[in-house]
Amino acid sequence: MPRSCSCAGPMPATRGRWWPRPPRRWVVERSFGWLSKYRRVAGRDYETNPRVSEAVIKAYFCHLMLRRLAKGPPPKHST
């Protein structure tokens, strides 16, 4: 039996890329990169309760934000 596939149409090429990137995708990728530093969430998720896993991730993001706030704003360049 022959198989067939129907598509909605060709995907538009935008600025030399194969497909248009979702907006602000880099924010999510960067956030996952930050989380990969922490051993408990870097590899597999061993938590059986999803609420505990969510709480751990929120705690790590709080830690990241507090470190960023403690560092202070970047110095202004004088011209």
PDB file of N, CA and C in Angstrom:
ATOM      1  N   MET A   1       0.840  -1.163   0.000  1.00  0.00           N
ATOM      2  CA  MET A   1       0.000   0.000   0.000  1.00  0.00           C
ATOM      3  C   MET A   1       0.898   1.243   0.000  1.00  0.00           C
ATOM      4  N   PRO A   2       0.746   2.116  -0.971  1.00  0.00           N
ATOM      5  CA  PRO A   2       1.581   3.317  -1.025  1.00  0.00           C
ATOM      6  C   PRO A   2       1.174   4.305   0.068  1.00  0.00           C
ATOM      7  N   ARG A   3       2.159   4.952   0.601  1.00  0.00           N
ATOM      8  CA  ARG A   3       1.907   5.962   1.632  1.00  0.00           C
ATOM      9  C   ARG A   3       2.026   7.342   1.017  1.00  0.00           C
ATOM     10  N   SER A   4       1.235   8.230   1.497  1.00  0.00           N
ATOM     11  CA  SER A   4       1.305   9.598   0.992  1.00  0.00           C
ATOM     12  C   SER A   4       1.362  10.558   2.171  1.00  0.00           C
ATOM     13  N   CYS A   5       1.914  11.699   1.907  1.00  0.00           N
ATOM     14  CA  CYS A   5       2.050  12.725   2.936  1.00  0.00           C
ATOM     15  C   CYS A   5       1.568  14.037   2.344  1.00  0.00           C
ATOM     16  N   SER A   6       0.734  14.711   3.047  1.00  0.00           N
ATOM     17  CA  SER A   6       0.273  16.011   2.564  1.00  0.00           C
ATOM     18  C   SER A   6       0.776  17.082   3.521  1.00  0.00           C
ATOM     19  N   CYS A   7       1.269  18.142   2.958  1.00  0.00           N
ATOM     20  CA  CYS A   7       1.794  19.253   3.744  1.00  0.00           C
ATOM     21  C   CYS A   7       0.988  20.501   3.421  1.00  0.00           C
ATOM     22  N   ALA A   8       1.061  21.441   4.307  1.00  0.00           N
ATOM     23  CA  ALA A   8       0.342  22.692   4.095  1.00  0.00           C
ATOM     24  C   ALA A   8       0.997  23.524   3.002  1.00  0.00           C
ATOM     25  N   GLY A   9       2.230  23.281   2.731  1.00  0.00           N
ATOM     26  CA  GLY A   9       2.946  24.038   1.716  1.00  0.00           C
ATOM     27  C   GLY A   9       4.398  24.170   2.111  1.00  0.00           C
ATOM     28  N   PRO A  10       5.195  24.740   1.235  1.00  0.00           N
ATOM     29  CA  PRO A  10       6.611  24.891   1.573  1.00  0.00           C
ATOM     30  C   PRO A  10       6.792  25.898   2.703  1.00  0.00           C
ATOM     31  N   MET A  11       7.790  25.636   3.522  1.00  0.00           N
ATOM     32  CA  MET A  11       8.084  26.556   4.616  1.00  0.00           C
ATOM     33  C   MET A  11       8.839  27.753   4.056  1.00  0.00           C
ATOM     34  N   PRO A  12       8.458  28.950   4.446  1.00  0.00           N
ATOM     35  CA  PRO A  12       9.145  30.127   3.915  1.00  0.00           C
ATOM     36  C   PRO A  12      10.539  30.265   4.506  1.00  0.00           C
ATOM     37  N   ALA A  13      11.482  30.590   3.661  1.00  0.00           N
ATOM     38  CA  ALA A  13      12.847  30.846   4.125  1.00  0.00           C
ATOM     39  C   ALA A  13      12.937  32.317   4.505  1.00  0.00           C
ATOM     40  N   THR A  14      13.385  32.601   5.701  1.00  0.00           N
ATOM     41  CA  THR A  14      13.491  33.985   6.147  1.00  0.00           C
ATOM     42  C   THR A  14      14.933  34.298   6.477  1.00  0.00           C
ATOM     43  N   ARG A  15      15.471  35.262   5.792  1.00  0.00           N
ATOM     44  CA  ARG A  15      16.844  35.736   6.012  1.00  0.00           C
ATOM     45  C   ARG A  15      17.871  34.617   6.002  1.00  0.00           C
ATOM     46  N   GLY A  16      17.737  33.683   5.101  1.00  0.00           N
ATOM     47  CA  GLY A  16      18.719  32.620   4.985  1.00  0.00           C
ATOM     48  C   GLY A  16      18.552  31.491   5.968  1.00  0.00           C
ATOM     49  N   ARG A  17      17.563  31.571   6.858  1.00  0.00           N
ATOM     50  CA  ARG A  17      17.333  30.483   7.801  1.00  0.00           C
ATOM     51  C   ARG A  17      16.320  29.523   7.206  1.00  0.00           C
ATOM     52  N   TRP A  18      16.280  28.322   7.748  1.00  0.00           N
ATOM     53  CA  TRP A  18      15.346  27.318   7.245  1.00  0.00           C
ATOM     54  C   TRP A  18      13.928  27.610   7.700  1.00  0.00           C
ATOM     55  N   TRP A  19      13.753  28.085   8.921  1.00  0.00           N
ATOM     56  CA  TRP A  19      12.411  28.374   9.431  1.00  0.00           C
ATOM     57  C   TRP A  19      12.497  29.598  10.325  1.00  0.00           C
ATOM     58  N   PRO A  20      11.405  30.305  10.467  1.00  0.00           N
ATOM     59  CA  PRO A  20      11.456  31.483  11.345  1.00  0.00           C
ATOM     60  C   PRO A  20      11.542  31.068  12.805  1.00  0.00           C
ATOM     61  N   ARG A  21      12.434  31.691  13.527  1.00  0.00           N
ATOM     62  CA  ARG A  21      12.594  31.386  14.949  1.00  0.00           C
ATOM     63  C   ARG A  21      11.470  32.027  15.751  1.00  0.00           C
ATOM     64  N   PRO A  22      11.017  31.339  16.780  1.00  0.00           N
ATOM     65  CA  PRO A  22      10.029  31.989  17.649  1.00  0.00           C
ATOM     66  C   PRO A  22      10.665  33.183  18.346  1.00  0.00           C
ATOM     67  N   PRO A  23       9.899  34.235  18.567  1.00  0.00           N
ATOM     68  CA  PRO A  23      10.486  35.397  19.234  1.00  0.00           C
ATOM     69  C   PRO A  23      10.888  35.063  20.666  1.00  0.00           C
ATOM     70  N   ARG A  24      12.006  35.630  21.078  1.00  0.00           N
ATOM     71  CA  ARG A  24      12.538  35.484  22.444  1.00  0.00           C
ATOM     72  C   ARG A  24      12.877  34.044  22.806  1.00  0.00           C
ATOM     73  N   ARG A  25      13.188  33.233  21.816  1.00  0.00           N
ATOM     74  CA  ARG A  25      13.583  31.847  22.085  1.00  0.00           C
ATOM     75  C   ARG A  25      14.885  31.802  22.869  1.00  0.00           C
ATOM     76  N   TRP A  26      15.755  32.761  22.616  1.00  0.00           N
ATOM     77  CA  TRP A  26      17.056  32.774  23.280  1.00  0.00           C
ATOM     78  C   TRP A  26      16.910  32.931  24.790  1.00  0.00           C
ATOM     79  N   VAL A  27      15.820  33.569  25.246  1.00  0.00           N
ATOM     80  CA  VAL A  27      15.608  33.740  26.684  1.00  0.00           C
ATOM     81  C   VAL A  27      15.418  32.382  27.346  1.00  0.00           C
ATOM     82  N   VAL A  28      14.635  31.534  26.712  1.00  0.00           N
ATOM     83  CA  VAL A  28      14.379  30.205  27.269  1.00  0.00           C
ATOM     84  C   VAL A  28      15.647  29.369  27.235  1.00  0.00           C
ATOM     85  N   GLU A  29      16.377  29.420  26.112  1.00  0.00           N
ATOM     86  CA  GLU A  29      17.612  28.634  26.000  1.00  0.00           C
ATOM     87  C   GLU A  29      18.641  29.084  27.024  1.00  0.00           C
ATOM     88  N   ARG A  30      18.749  30.391  27.231  1.00  0.00           N
ATOM     89  CA  ARG A  30      19.699  30.907  28.218  1.00  0.00           C
ATOM     90  C   ARG A  30      19.299  30.470  29.625  1.00  0.00           C
ATOM     91  N   SER A  31      18.007  30.493  29.909  1.00  0.00           N
ATOM     92  CA  SER A  31      17.537  30.089  31.238  1.00  0.00           C
ATOM     93  C   SER A  31      17.838  28.624  31.509  1.00  0.00           C
ATOM     94  N   PHE A  32      17.628  27.765  30.512  1.00  0.00           N
ATOM     95  CA  PHE A  32      17.962  26.357  30.686  1.00  0.00           C
ATOM     96  C   PHE A  32      19.468  26.177  30.843  1.00  0.00           C
ATOM     97  N   GLY A  33      20.253  27.006  30.177  1.00  0.00           N
ATOM     98  CA  GLY A  33      21.697  26.953  30.348  1.00  0.00           C
ATOM     99  C   GLY A  33      22.114  27.301  31.761  1.00  0.00           C
ATOM    100  N   TRP A  34      21.453  28.295  32.349  1.00  0.00           N
ATOM    101  CA  TRP A  34      21.750  28.655  33.736  1.00  0.00           C
ATOM    102  C   TRP A  34      21.387  27.523  34.672  1.00  0.00           C
ATOM    103  N   LEU A  35      20.255  26.880  34.414  1.00  0.00           N
ATOM    104  CA  LEU A  35      19.829  25.790  35.288  1.00  0.00           C
ATOM    105  C   LEU A  35      20.765  24.597  35.200  1.00  0.00           C
ATOM    106  N   SER A  36      21.442  24.437  34.087  1.00  0.00           N
ATOM    107  CA  SER A  36      22.319  23.273  33.935  1.00  0.00           C
ATOM    108  C   SER A  36      23.521  23.335  34.872  1.00  0.00           C
ATOM    109  N   LYS A  37      23.788  24.523  35.470  1.00  0.00           N
ATOM    110  CA  LYS A  37      24.875  24.625  36.446  1.00  0.00           C
ATOM    111  C   LYS A  37      24.561  23.873  37.729  1.00  0.00           C
ATOM    112  N   TYR A  38      23.292  23.795  38.065  1.00  0.00           N
ATOM    113  CA  TYR A  38      22.888  23.194  39.329  1.00  0.00           C
ATOM    114  C   TYR A  38      22.713  21.695  39.157  1.00  0.00           C
ATOM    115  N   ARG A  39      23.391  20.956  39.985  1.00  0.00           N
ATOM    116  CA  ARG A  39      23.456  19.502  39.836  1.00  0.00           C
ATOM    117  C   ARG A  39      22.092  18.826  39.980  1.00  0.00           C
ATOM    118  N   ARG A  40      21.266  19.360  40.854  1.00  0.00           N
ATOM    119  CA  ARG A  40      19.987  18.698  41.131  1.00  0.00           C
ATOM    120  C   ARG A  40      19.038  18.740  39.933  1.00  0.00           C
ATOM    121  N   VAL A  41      19.123  19.765  39.110  1.00  0.00           N
ATOM    122  CA  VAL A  41      18.230  19.861  37.954  1.00  0.00           C
ATOM    123  C   VAL A  41      18.967  19.720  36.631  1.00  0.00           C
ATOM    124  N   ALA A  42      20.286  19.519  36.663  1.00  0.00           N
ATOM    125  CA  ALA A  42      21.063  19.472  35.430  1.00  0.00           C
ATOM    126  C   ALA A  42      20.788  18.218  34.611  1.00  0.00           C
ATOM    127  N   GLY A  43      20.729  17.092  35.263  1.00  0.00           N
ATOM    128  CA  GLY A  43      20.542  15.850  34.528  1.00  0.00           C
ATOM    129  C   GLY A  43      19.099  15.406  34.541  1.00  0.00           C
ATOM    130  N   ARG A  44      18.871  14.340  35.203  1.00  0.00           N
ATOM    131  CA  ARG A  44      17.515  13.797  35.264  1.00  0.00           C
ATOM    132  C   ARG A  44      16.776  14.365  36.462  1.00  0.00           C
ATOM    133  N   ASP A  45      15.486  14.369  36.347  1.00  0.00           N
ATOM    134  CA  ASP A  45      14.657  14.862  37.439  1.00  0.00           C
ATOM    135  C   ASP A  45      14.187  13.664  38.250  1.00  0.00           C
ATOM    136  N   TYR A  46      14.743  13.500  39.439  1.00  0.00           N
ATOM    137  CA  TYR A  46      14.421  12.344  40.269  1.00  0.00           C
ATOM    138  C   TYR A  46      13.265  12.606  41.225  1.00  0.00           C
ATOM    139  N   GLU A  47      12.711  13.801  41.197  1.00  0.00           N
ATOM    140  CA  GLU A  47      11.613  14.119  42.105  1.00  0.00           C
ATOM    141  C   GLU A  47      10.355  13.379  41.671  1.00  0.00           C
ATOM    142  N   THR A  48       9.632  12.835  42.641  1.00  0.00           N
ATOM    143  CA  THR A  48       8.385  12.151  42.314  1.00  0.00           C
ATOM    144  C   THR A  48       7.201  13.104  42.359  1.00  0.00           C
ATOM    145  N   ASN A  49       7.337  14.186  43.089  1.00  0.00           N
ATOM    146  CA  ASN A  49       6.268  15.168  43.188  1.00  0.00           C
ATOM    147  C   ASN A  49       6.627  16.370  42.317  1.00  0.00           C
ATOM    148  N   PRO A  50       5.806  16.706  41.321  1.00  0.00           N
ATOM    149  CA  PRO A  50       6.138  17.833  40.453  1.00  0.00           C
ATOM    150  C   PRO A  50       6.180  19.171  41.185  1.00  0.00           C
ATOM    151  N   ARG A  51       5.462  19.289  42.293  1.00  0.00           N
ATOM    152  CA  ARG A  51       5.490  20.543  43.048  1.00  0.00           C
ATOM    153  C   ARG A  51       6.863  20.770  43.673  1.00  0.00           C
ATOM    154  N   VAL A  52       7.505  19.699  44.103  1.00  0.00           N
ATOM    155  CA  VAL A  52       8.848  19.819  44.674  1.00  0.00           C
ATOM    156  C   VAL A  52       9.825  20.247  43.584  1.00  0.00           C
ATOM    157  N   SER A  53       9.709  19.650  42.418  1.00  0.00           N
ATOM    158  CA  SER A  53      10.583  20.007  41.305  1.00  0.00           C
ATOM    159  C   SER A  53      10.395  21.471  40.919  1.00  0.00           C
ATOM    160  N   GLU A  54       9.165  21.919  40.870  1.00  0.00           N
ATOM    161  CA  GLU A  54       8.884  23.321  40.554  1.00  0.00           C
ATOM    162  C   GLU A  54       9.469  24.244  41.619  1.00  0.00           C
ATOM    163  N   ALA A  55       9.348  23.870  42.879  1.00  0.00           N
ATOM    164  CA  ALA A  55       9.885  24.692  43.966  1.00  0.00           C
ATOM    165  C   ALA A  55      11.406  24.779  43.894  1.00  0.00           C
ATOM    166  N   VAL A  56      12.062  23.680  43.550  1.00  0.00           N
ATOM    167  CA  VAL A  56      13.523  23.682  43.439  1.00  0.00           C
ATOM    168  C   VAL A  56      13.958  24.602  42.304  1.00  0.00           C
ATOM    169  N   ILE A  57      13.280  24.532  41.177  1.00  0.00           N
ATOM    170  CA  ILE A  57      13.631  25.388  40.041  1.00  0.00           C
ATOM    171  C   ILE A  57      13.413  26.854  40.400  1.00  0.00           C
ATOM    172  N   LYS A  58      12.318  27.163  41.076  1.00  0.00           N
ATOM    173  CA  LYS A  58      12.075  28.550  41.493  1.00  0.00           C
ATOM    174  C   LYS A  58      13.139  29.025  42.475  1.00  0.00           C
ATOM    175  N   ALA A  59      13.557  28.160  43.377  1.00  0.00           N
ATOM    176  CA  ALA A  59      14.604  28.533  44.330  1.00  0.00           C
ATOM    177  C   ALA A  59      15.917  28.823  43.609  1.00  0.00           C
ATOM    178  N   TYR A  60      16.260  28.030  42.609  1.00  0.00           N
ATOM    179  CA  TYR A  60      17.487  28.276  41.855  1.00  0.00           C
ATOM    180  C   TYR A  60      17.410  29.583  41.082  1.00  0.00           C
ATOM    181  N   PHE A  61      16.249  29.883  40.507  1.00  0.00           N
ATOM    182  CA  PHE A  61      16.123  31.149  39.794  1.00  0.00           C
ATOM    183  C   PHE A  61      16.175  32.333  40.763  1.00  0.00           C
ATOM    184  N   CYS A  62      15.627  32.171  41.963  1.00  0.00           N
ATOM    185  CA  CYS A  62      15.765  33.224  42.978  1.00  0.00           C
ATOM    186  C   CYS A  62      17.236  33.439  43.320  1.00  0.00           C
ATOM    187  N   HIS A  63      17.976  32.366  43.442  1.00  0.00           N
ATOM    188  CA  HIS A  63      19.409  32.465  43.724  1.00  0.00           C
ATOM    189  C   HIS A  63      20.126  33.204  42.600  1.00  0.00           C
ATOM    190  N   LEU A  64      19.793  32.880  41.361  1.00  0.00           N
ATOM    191  CA  LEU A  64      20.424  33.556  40.230  1.00  0.00           C
ATOM    192  C   LEU A  64      20.096  35.046  40.221  1.00  0.00           C
ATOM    193  N   MET A  65      18.839  35.390  40.479  1.00  0.00           N
ATOM    194  CA  MET A  65      18.446  36.792  40.460  1.00  0.00           C
ATOM    195  C   MET A  65      19.074  37.568  41.617  1.00  0.00           C
ATOM    196  N   LEU A  66      19.158  36.955  42.795  1.00  0.00           N
ATOM    197  CA  LEU A  66      19.800  37.636  43.922  1.00  0.00           C
ATOM    198  C   LEU A  66      21.281  37.874  43.654  1.00  0.00           C
ATOM    199  N   ARG A  67      21.946  36.914  43.037  1.00  0.00           N
ATOM    200  CA  ARG A  67      23.354  37.114  42.678  1.00  0.00           C
ATOM    201  C   ARG A  67      23.502  38.252  41.690  1.00  0.00           C
ATOM    202  N   ARG A  68      22.591  38.328  40.741  1.00  0.00           N
ATOM    203  CA  ARG A  68      22.658  39.389  39.744  1.00  0.00           C
ATOM    204  C   ARG A  68      22.386  40.756  40.387  1.00  0.00           C
ATOM    205  N   LEU A  69      21.409  40.813  41.295  1.00  0.00           N
ATOM    206  CA  LEU A  69      21.106  42.080  41.961  1.00  0.00           C
ATOM    207  C   LEU A  69      22.229  42.511  42.897  1.00  0.00           C
ATOM    208  N   ALA A  70      22.891  41.578  43.539  1.00  0.00           N
ATOM    209  CA  ALA A  70      23.976  41.907  44.457  1.00  0.00           C
ATOM    210  C   ALA A  70      25.183  42.463  43.713  1.00  0.00           C
ATOM    211  N   LYS A  71      25.329  42.055  42.469  1.00  0.00           N
ATOM    212  CA  LYS A  71      26.453  42.535  41.677  1.00  0.00           C
ATOM    213  C   LYS A  71      26.309  44.016  41.359  1.00  0.00           C
ATOM    214  N   GLY A  72      25.100  44.506  41.246  1.00  0.00           N
ATOM    215  CA  GLY A  72      24.863  45.910  40.951  1.00  0.00           C
ATOM    216  C   GLY A  72      24.819  46.165  39.460  1.00  0.00           C
ATOM    217  N   PRO A  73      24.452  47.390  39.096  1.00  0.00           N
ATOM    218  CA  PRO A  73      24.368  47.720  37.669  1.00  0.00           C
ATOM    219  C   PRO A  73      25.759  47.812  37.052  1.00  0.00           C
ATOM    220  N   PRO A  74      25.853  47.621  35.753  1.00  0.00           N
ATOM    221  CA  PRO A  74      27.163  47.738  35.102  1.00  0.00           C
ATOM    222  C   PRO A  74      27.652  49.183  35.151  1.00  0.00           C
ATOM    223  N   PRO A  75      28.953  49.393  35.191  1.00  0.00           N
ATOM    224  CA  PRO A  75      29.481  50.761  35.256  1.00  0.00           C
ATOM    225  C   PRO A  75      29.179  51.518  33.968  1.00  0.00           C
ATOM    226  N   LYS A  76      28.933  52.815  34.125  1.00  0.00           N
ATOM    227  CA  LYS A  76      28.659  53.654  32.955  1.00  0.00           C
ATOM    228  C   LYS A  76      29.982  54.144  32.395  1.00  0.00           C
ATOM    229  N   HIS A  77      30.074  54.116  31.080  1.00  0.00           N
ATOM    230  CA  HIS A  77      31.289  54.574  30.414  1.00  0.00           C
ATOM    231  C   HIS A  77      31.219  56.086  30.234  1.00  0.00           C
ATOM    232  N   SER A  78      32.264  56.753  30.604  1.00  0.00           N
ATOM    233  CA  SER A  78      32.302  58.200  30.400  1.00  0.00           C
ATOM    234  C   SER A  78      33.013  58.491  29.086  1.00  0.00           C
ATOM    235  N   THR A  79      32.498  59.481  28.385  1.00  0.00           N
ATOM    236  CA  THR A  79      33.112  59.834  27.093  1.00  0.00           C
ATOM    237  C   THR A  79      33.830  61.137  27.164  1.00  0.00           C
TER     238      THR A  79
END
